[in-house]
Structures are given as structure tokens and as C-alpha cells.
Amino acid sequence: MKTNLMFIFLAVATWAQAQHSYLSDRRFFTPDELIGYDFKPSMKEVPNEKKEELDPGEYSFGITHTNLYVKGEGLEGVYNINNMQPEDFGFKLTLMNARDARLQGHLKVILNKYNMVEALIFKRSPTDKETIFYLPAIPSKLKDEEKAYFTDRGELVIEEPDSIWGKKFYPFFRIHTDDRVQERLRMKDSTSISFVEEITIEEKDVNKKKKDKDKESVVTATDSLVVDEATVPVDSVMLTNPDKKVKIIKEYFVVVRSIVQYDDGMKEDKTWKYPVKRISEKEDKQAGAQEERYQWEFVNDKKENIILYLNGDHTVSTMIINDKTYKMRGV
């Protein structure tokens, strides 16, 4: 498991290394939400000594369940996490170097009032000074572009399960839930989740001798879910095909699309299609308007784990598809 975790963690980190991680990328409410995240600051400061700008990926701090992986001149190494606790300023990770037990230090994660990480304060050992790493604000141009592209928290309203078909959203974050690796998505990933209704009309010649007998059952609808029959022009089909037996088949799918980049630099535009037989709804009546109140489970014959969470105002918040969790921008 550890080998697999680090393979995915480093693959994601390598793929995204040309980008800083921005202050507004993610909000953190509990220490365990740090697990799988890779911070890439834009500025480094040794108090009372020097302050310098950093290239994207020049320094990074990757957090797993047991270790902190630090990349950067003078600080690079693997540090065991002995403790991870909330503090007034955010969170504090107590550390010990995996190769040298004398190097015991800490990482302070500084949060602003919106639970976004403003800075990391790293101390490698008791004799070292604290070094401050600042996360940048997202550039205005990129912020506007991403706001127009990604689906924001509170943006997409879906009142009822049967009104979901035809809807589509663009998640901002993907978490590999089995391995706890967090991946900030980019517009170039073209990651989207669609709720698709497919209608197929099949025609079959009617036996003229039985035509009168079958007149009342010429049209048959086969549905996976309760849907609005008015969406299909049944009368038109009957009139234009008087000698045909028409069967209308409606099928429902959750479709995920994403451009995947591999370690060798190759890219592939991939689509995953999950059939849906029914939607099961649960409600947490204690949750508020801006909290995840509704859970819609998309059930199919394969017993796949496909769940959509909506806030109390029926806006899309989080979606789980097997071992992946997708979050909206600002969640």
C-alpha cells in the first residue's frame, strides 16, 4: 500500500510541478484533510535574514498519513510525522527525520479566516531557524478564467433526482480516496461529469393479421427510472409508422471525461461510463443550507460506489465515483 501510495503521490506531484499551489485552491477544516496534499509555495523567507521568490515546484511539501516529503535546497528529505494537531493558527505537524532521529522539528500550517493555507513555517531541527513559505494568491486573469470554467460551490442547483438528467459539471478537485492523494484539476484536464439519458427507438414490422388485436399496445416504453414520457413524441412515431411496432428504450448513465497524462508525457482523452438503474435518496435533517444534507446514490447491477452529495440548498458539493472523490471549486 505504501509503495502504491507514493507512486501515485509522486506521479501527481511531478505532473503538476510546473504550477504553484494557490492560496484559494483548497480549504482545510481538520488535520486529516491535509493528507495527500502537495503544497508548492511561491516565496521563501528566513526572518531577519532574506526573502526570495521561488520558481514553481522549487520547493514542495507533500503530506501523507505518516510522512512529510520536502523538496528544496537545504531542506530536502523525508520526515516522519509523529503528531498532527489543530492549533489556534491552523495545524501543527511534529516531525522527525526518517534517517536522523536527531533532526526533530515541525511544520506549522497557517490558515486564514476562510480556512485557506496562507503560509507554511518549517523547522527541520531544534538548532535550525524557522523558514516561512508563502502560498500565492491566484492571478486575477486565471481566477476569472477558472471561475467561468469550473463549477463553483453553490452554483449548480438540482432540486429532484429525476431533474438531474442532462446536467453537467466541471469539478475543481479530484481525490484518490483509497490512497488519500489530492489532485488540483486544471482547465486543460477537461474533466467533467455528465448525467446522460439515452433514448433508443426500435421498430419492428407488425403482423397484419394481429394488427387490430395489438392496436392498443403498439408503443412500449422501457425505462430504468421514472421519467417524463412527454419527452418522447410517441404519437408522431405511431402516425408515421402505422405498420410498425415501436419500442422506446431509455437508458441512464453517469459519464466521466478527463484528459489523463502519463509518466512518459503522453496524454489520453478518456471516458468512463457508468449505467444507472435507480437513484436512492437519503437526507441528513440536521445539516444546514450550506452543509451536505442530501445523499443520492446511483445504483446499478455492478454495485459500483457512485454517490452525489448536495447541500441543504440542493447545490452540488461532492461526488464519489468508486475510488475517486470530486469536489466543486470552493468546497
Protein backbone atom coordinates (compact mmCIF):
# COMPACT_ATOMS: atom_id res chain seq x y z
CA MET A 1 0.00 0.00 0.00
CA LYS A 2 2.79 2.44 0.90
CA THR A 3 4.56 1.82 -2.40
CA ASN A 4 1.36 2.36 -4.33
CA LEU A 5 0.58 5.50 -2.34
CA MET A 6 3.95 7.08 -3.02
CA PHE A 7 3.84 6.11 -6.70
CA ILE A 8 0.54 7.95 -7.16
CA PHE A 9 1.60 10.83 -4.91
CA LEU A 10 4.86 11.44 -6.76
CA ALA A 11 3.22 10.95 -10.17
CA VAL A 12 0.63 13.61 -9.40
CA ALA A 13 3.27 15.91 -7.91
CA THR A 14 5.55 15.51 -10.93
CA TRP A 15 2.72 16.13 -13.37
CA ALA A 16 1.74 19.35 -11.57
CA GLN A 17 5.22 20.55 -10.65
CA ALA A 18 5.16 23.44 -13.13
CA GLN A 19 2.40 25.10 -11.09
CA HIS A 20 2.35 26.86 -7.75
CA SER A 21 -0.42 25.81 -5.38
CA TYR A 22 -2.60 28.85 -4.82
CA LEU A 23 -4.00 30.04 -1.53
CA SER A 24 -7.60 29.62 -2.73
CA ASP A 25 -7.15 26.12 -4.18
CA ARG A 26 -8.39 24.27 -1.11
CA ARG A 27 -9.94 24.85 2.31
CA PHE A 28 -8.89 22.75 5.30
CA PHE A 29 -11.04 22.20 8.37
CA THR A 30 -9.36 19.22 10.05
CA PRO A 31 -5.75 17.94 10.10
CA ASP A 32 -6.60 14.76 8.18
CA GLU A 33 -7.68 16.87 5.19
CA LEU A 34 -4.01 17.75 4.69
CA ILE A 35 -3.20 14.13 3.85
CA GLY A 36 -2.41 13.73 0.18
CA TYR A 37 -1.92 17.44 -0.47
CA ASP A 38 1.27 18.81 -2.05
CA PHE A 39 1.99 22.47 -1.23
CA LYS A 40 4.12 24.42 -3.72
CA PRO A 41 4.90 27.89 -2.31
CA SER A 42 5.96 30.95 -4.29
CA MET A 43 8.10 32.73 -1.69
CA LYS A 44 10.60 31.77 1.00
CA GLU A 45 11.62 33.87 4.00
CA VAL A 46 14.16 33.37 6.76
CA PRO A 47 13.08 36.02 9.30
CA ASN A 48 15.56 38.87 9.74
CA GLU A 49 17.80 37.43 7.02
CA LYS A 50 16.36 37.17 3.50
CA LYS A 51 13.23 36.79 1.43
CA GLU A 52 13.19 35.34 -2.08
CA GLU A 53 10.74 34.34 -4.78
CA LEU A 54 10.57 30.70 -5.81
CA ASP A 55 10.05 29.01 -9.16
CA PRO A 56 7.03 26.69 -9.38
CA GLY A 57 7.97 23.38 -7.77
CA GLU A 58 11.35 24.64 -6.50
CA TYR A 59 10.14 23.79 -3.00
CA SER A 60 7.26 21.48 -2.15
CA PHE A 61 5.73 19.92 0.95
CA GLY A 62 3.82 16.69 0.37
CA ILE A 63 1.87 15.23 3.27
CA THR A 64 0.90 11.58 3.62
CA HIS A 65 -0.58 9.74 6.57
CA THR A 66 2.87 9.01 8.07
CA ASN A 67 5.41 11.26 6.34
CA LEU A 68 6.18 14.77 5.17
CA TYR A 69 8.11 14.82 1.88
CA VAL A 70 10.10 18.02 1.49
CA LYS A 71 11.75 19.05 -1.75
CA GLY A 72 14.10 22.02 -1.92
CA GLU A 73 17.70 23.06 -1.45
CA GLY A 74 18.96 22.60 2.10
CA LEU A 75 15.74 21.08 3.43
CA GLU A 76 15.08 18.08 1.21
CA GLY A 77 14.20 14.88 2.99
CA VAL A 78 11.57 12.53 4.34
CA TYR A 79 10.28 13.38 7.79
CA ASN A 80 8.15 11.06 9.93
CA ILE A 81 5.00 12.70 11.24
CA ASN A 82 4.77 11.92 14.97
CA ASN A 83 1.73 14.09 15.60
CA MET A 84 -0.73 16.25 13.71
CA GLN A 85 -2.83 18.61 15.82
CA PRO A 86 -5.11 21.64 15.37
CA GLU A 87 -3.81 24.94 16.78
CA ASP A 88 -5.12 28.49 17.03
CA PHE A 89 -3.14 29.39 13.90
CA GLY A 90 -4.15 26.25 11.96
CA PHE A 91 -2.36 22.92 12.34
CA LYS A 92 1.00 21.74 13.64
CA LEU A 93 2.86 18.64 12.47
CA THR A 94 5.57 17.33 14.84
CA LEU A 95 8.36 15.78 12.79
CA MET A 96 11.41 13.54 12.95
CA ASN A 97 13.83 12.93 10.07
CA ALA A 98 13.47 9.36 8.85
CA ARG A 99 17.27 8.96 8.52
CA ASP A 100 18.46 11.00 11.50
CA ALA A 101 16.42 10.90 14.73
CA ARG A 102 18.27 13.97 16.00
CA LEU A 103 16.54 16.11 13.37
CA GLN A 104 13.25 16.71 15.18
CA GLY A 105 11.28 19.70 14.06
CA HIS A 106 7.83 20.84 12.98
CA LEU A 107 5.66 22.20 10.19
CA LYS A 108 3.13 24.87 11.11
CA VAL A 109 0.25 25.24 8.67
CA ILE A 110 -1.10 28.80 8.91
CA LEU A 111 -4.77 29.27 7.97
CA ASN A 112 -6.67 32.48 7.21
CA LYS A 113 -10.25 33.09 8.32
CA TYR A 114 -11.53 31.19 5.26
CA ASN A 115 -9.58 28.05 6.26
CA MET A 116 -7.17 28.53 3.35
CA VAL A 117 -3.44 27.97 3.86
CA GLU A 118 -1.53 31.26 3.71
CA ALA A 119 1.87 30.00 4.79
CA LEU A 120 3.93 27.05 5.98
CA ILE A 121 6.53 27.51 8.74
CA PHE A 122 9.12 24.76 8.62
CA LYS A 123 11.78 23.97 11.20
CA ARG A 124 14.00 20.99 10.40
CA SER A 125 15.67 20.54 13.79
CA PRO A 126 15.93 22.22 17.22
CA THR A 127 19.06 24.08 16.12
CA ASP A 128 17.66 25.34 12.79
CA LYS A 129 15.75 28.58 12.34
CA GLU A 130 12.16 28.59 11.21
CA THR A 131 11.70 29.20 7.49
CA ILE A 132 8.44 30.69 6.23
CA PHE A 133 6.98 29.63 2.88
CA TYR A 134 4.14 31.70 1.44
CA LEU A 135 1.43 30.48 -0.91
CA PRO A 136 0.49 32.93 -3.66
CA ALA A 137 -2.92 34.38 -4.44
CA ILE A 138 -4.24 33.17 -7.77
CA PRO A 139 -3.55 35.69 -10.60
CA SER A 140 -6.62 37.76 -11.50
CA LYS A 141 -6.71 36.61 -15.12
CA LEU A 142 -6.53 32.93 -14.20
CA LYS A 143 -9.08 33.43 -11.44
CA ASP A 144 -11.61 34.88 -13.90
CA GLU A 145 -10.96 32.14 -16.45
CA GLU A 146 -11.36 29.37 -13.88
CA LYS A 147 -14.46 30.93 -12.36
CA ALA A 148 -16.10 30.83 -15.78
CA TYR A 149 -14.97 27.24 -16.39
CA PHE A 150 -15.20 25.25 -13.15
CA THR A 151 -18.42 24.59 -11.26
CA ASP A 152 -18.35 26.63 -8.07
CA ARG A 153 -19.68 25.74 -4.66
CA GLY A 154 -23.36 26.75 -4.63
CA GLU A 155 -23.59 27.16 -8.41
CA LEU A 156 -25.38 24.07 -9.76
CA VAL A 157 -28.87 23.52 -8.33
CA ILE A 158 -30.63 20.16 -8.77
CA GLU A 159 -33.97 20.07 -6.97
CA GLU A 160 -35.00 16.44 -7.55
CA PRO A 161 -33.28 13.22 -8.69
CA ASP A 162 -35.40 13.00 -11.84
CA SER A 163 -34.31 16.51 -12.91
CA ILE A 164 -30.61 15.58 -12.95
CA TRP A 165 -30.58 14.13 -16.48
CA GLY A 166 -28.95 16.47 -18.97
CA LYS A 167 -26.94 18.24 -16.26
CA LYS A 168 -23.13 18.51 -16.37
CA PHE A 169 -20.50 19.93 -14.05
CA TYR A 170 -16.76 20.57 -14.01
CA PRO A 171 -15.09 19.60 -10.72
CA PHE A 172 -12.12 21.51 -9.37
CA PHE A 173 -10.56 18.84 -7.20
CA ARG A 174 -10.07 15.10 -7.53
CA ILE A 175 -9.05 12.98 -4.56
CA HIS A 176 -7.79 9.43 -4.99
CA THR A 177 -9.69 8.27 -1.92
CA ASP A 178 -8.09 4.84 -1.48
CA ASP A 179 -4.60 6.38 -1.41
CA ARG A 180 -5.53 9.82 0.01
CA VAL A 181 -3.79 11.70 -2.81
CA GLN A 182 -5.28 15.09 -3.69
CA GLU A 183 -5.14 16.45 -7.21
CA ARG A 184 -5.97 20.03 -8.13
CA LEU A 185 -7.52 19.93 -11.60
CA ARG A 186 -6.70 22.38 -14.38
CA MET A 187 -8.79 23.58 -17.30
CA LYS A 188 -6.55 21.67 -19.70
CA ASP A 189 -7.59 18.42 -17.98
CA SER A 190 -11.10 18.84 -19.43
CA THR A 191 -12.53 16.85 -16.52
CA SER A 192 -16.33 16.77 -16.47
CA ILE A 193 -19.15 14.66 -15.06
CA SER A 194 -22.39 14.35 -17.04
CA PHE A 195 -25.75 12.77 -16.26
CA VAL A 196 -26.94 11.32 -19.53
CA GLU A 197 -30.29 9.99 -20.72
CA GLU A 198 -30.04 7.95 -23.92
CA ILE A 199 -33.19 7.18 -25.92
CA THR A 200 -33.25 4.39 -28.50
CA ILE A 201 -36.25 3.75 -30.76
CA GLU A 202 -36.55 0.26 -32.19
CA GLU A 203 -39.06 -0.57 -34.96
CA LYS A 204 -40.44 -3.97 -35.88
CA ASP A 205 -42.94 -4.91 -38.59
CA VAL A 206 -46.41 -5.61 -37.27
CA ASN A 207 -48.11 -8.89 -38.27
CA LYS A 208 -51.09 -7.59 -40.27
CA LYS A 209 -53.34 -10.42 -39.05
CA LYS A 210 -52.75 -9.32 -35.49
CA LYS A 211 -52.70 -5.63 -36.24
CA ASP A 212 -56.15 -4.89 -34.84
CA LYS A 213 -55.55 -7.02 -31.79
CA ASP A 214 -52.28 -5.28 -30.99
CA LYS A 215 -53.51 -1.79 -31.78
CA GLU A 216 -53.63 -0.73 -28.13
CA SER A 217 -50.09 -1.92 -27.36
CA VAL A 218 -48.18 -0.65 -30.36
CA VAL A 219 -45.89 1.55 -28.29
CA THR A 220 -43.88 0.16 -25.39
CA ALA A 221 -41.61 2.21 -23.13
CA THR A 222 -38.76 0.55 -21.27
CA ASP A 223 -37.44 2.81 -18.53
CA SER A 224 -34.66 2.44 -15.99
CA LEU A 225 -36.14 5.26 -13.89
CA VAL A 226 -39.38 7.15 -13.56
CA VAL A 227 -39.20 9.81 -16.27
CA ASP A 228 -41.41 12.26 -18.10
CA GLU A 229 -42.95 10.41 -21.06
CA ALA A 230 -43.70 13.74 -22.77
CA THR A 231 -40.05 13.97 -23.75
CA VAL A 232 -40.65 11.38 -26.46
CA PRO A 233 -43.06 12.19 -29.34
CA VAL A 234 -44.91 8.89 -29.06
CA ASP A 235 -47.93 9.98 -31.11
CA SER A 236 -45.73 11.09 -34.00
CA VAL A 237 -43.98 7.73 -34.07
CA MET A 238 -47.30 5.88 -34.24
CA LEU A 239 -48.71 8.05 -37.01
CA THR A 240 -45.65 7.92 -39.23
CA ASN A 241 -45.16 4.18 -38.71
CA PRO A 242 -48.66 2.64 -38.82
CA ASP A 243 -47.31 -0.80 -39.74
CA LYS A 244 -44.52 -0.82 -37.18
CA LYS A 245 -44.29 -1.92 -33.58
CA VAL A 246 -42.22 0.72 -31.83
CA LYS A 247 -40.19 0.12 -28.68
CA ILE A 248 -38.74 3.12 -26.84
CA ILE A 249 -35.75 2.27 -24.65
CA LYS A 250 -34.46 4.83 -22.16
CA GLU A 251 -31.09 4.27 -20.50
CA TYR A 252 -29.30 6.39 -17.91
CA PHE A 253 -25.59 6.92 -17.30
CA VAL A 254 -23.08 8.87 -15.25
CA VAL A 255 -20.27 9.79 -17.68
CA VAL A 256 -16.82 10.97 -16.57
CA ARG A 257 -14.40 12.50 -19.05
CA SER A 258 -10.80 13.54 -18.36
CA ILE A 259 -7.53 14.00 -20.23
CA VAL A 260 -5.01 11.79 -18.46
CA GLN A 261 -1.27 12.45 -18.62
CA TYR A 262 1.11 9.54 -18.05
CA ASP A 263 4.64 9.50 -16.62
CA ASP A 264 6.19 9.45 -20.11
CA GLY A 265 4.37 12.66 -21.05
CA MET A 266 1.76 11.00 -23.26
CA LYS A 267 -1.84 12.17 -22.94
CA GLU A 268 -5.08 10.29 -23.48
CA ASP A 269 -8.64 11.60 -23.64
CA LYS A 270 -10.58 9.03 -21.61
CA THR A 271 -14.26 8.48 -20.85
CA TRP A 272 -15.80 6.27 -18.18
CA LYS A 273 -19.50 5.39 -18.48
CA TYR A 274 -21.48 4.04 -15.52
CA PRO A 275 -25.05 2.73 -16.04
CA VAL A 276 -27.75 3.77 -13.58
CA LYS A 277 -30.79 1.65 -12.69
CA ARG A 278 -32.24 3.86 -9.95
CA ILE A 279 -31.39 6.70 -7.56
CA SER A 280 -31.70 6.19 -3.82
CA GLU A 281 -32.03 9.35 -1.72
CA LYS A 282 -31.08 9.95 1.93
CA GLU A 283 -31.30 13.17 3.95
CA ASP A 284 -29.40 14.43 6.98
CA LYS A 285 -32.02 16.70 8.53
CA GLN A 286 -29.50 18.17 10.97
CA ALA A 287 -27.39 19.69 8.15
CA GLY A 288 -27.78 23.35 7.26
CA ALA A 289 -28.27 25.12 3.93
CA GLN A 290 -24.51 25.27 3.24
CA GLU A 291 -23.74 21.78 4.53
CA GLU A 292 -24.01 18.44 2.76
CA ARG A 293 -27.60 17.43 3.54
CA TYR A 294 -28.65 15.16 0.66
CA GLN A 295 -27.03 11.92 -0.48
CA TRP A 296 -28.10 10.49 -3.83
CA GLU A 297 -26.80 7.01 -4.58
CA PHE A 298 -26.77 5.91 -8.22
CA VAL A 299 -27.48 2.18 -8.17
CA ASN A 300 -26.52 -0.28 -10.91
CA ASP A 301 -26.12 -4.04 -11.30
CA LYS A 302 -22.36 -3.87 -10.71
CA LYS A 303 -22.88 -2.40 -7.22
CA GLU A 304 -20.44 0.42 -8.00
CA ASN A 305 -19.97 3.20 -5.44
CA ILE A 306 -21.47 6.29 -7.10
CA ILE A 307 -22.77 8.95 -4.71
CA LEU A 308 -23.63 12.63 -5.15
CA TYR A 309 -23.79 14.98 -2.17
CA LEU A 310 -25.83 18.17 -2.27
CA ASN A 311 -26.00 20.99 0.24
CA GLY A 312 -29.20 21.98 2.01
CA ASP A 313 -29.99 24.41 -0.81
CA HIS A 314 -29.77 21.50 -3.32
CA THR A 315 -26.49 22.69 -4.84
CA VAL A 316 -23.88 20.13 -5.90
CA SER A 317 -20.97 19.79 -3.46
CA THR A 318 -19.13 16.46 -3.76
CA MET A 319 -19.34 13.34 -5.91
CA ILE A 320 -17.79 9.94 -5.22
CA ILE A 321 -17.24 7.52 -8.10
CA ASN A 322 -15.61 4.32 -6.88
CA ASP A 323 -12.14 5.33 -5.59
CA LYS A 324 -12.30 8.96 -6.75
CA THR A 325 -13.86 11.92 -4.94
CA TYR A 326 -14.66 15.05 -6.96
CA LYS A 327 -15.21 18.47 -5.34
CA MET A 328 -16.52 21.77 -6.65
CA ARG A 329 -14.40 24.92 -6.60
CA GLY A 330 -14.52 26.47 -3.13
CA VAL A 331 -15.53 23.29 -1.29
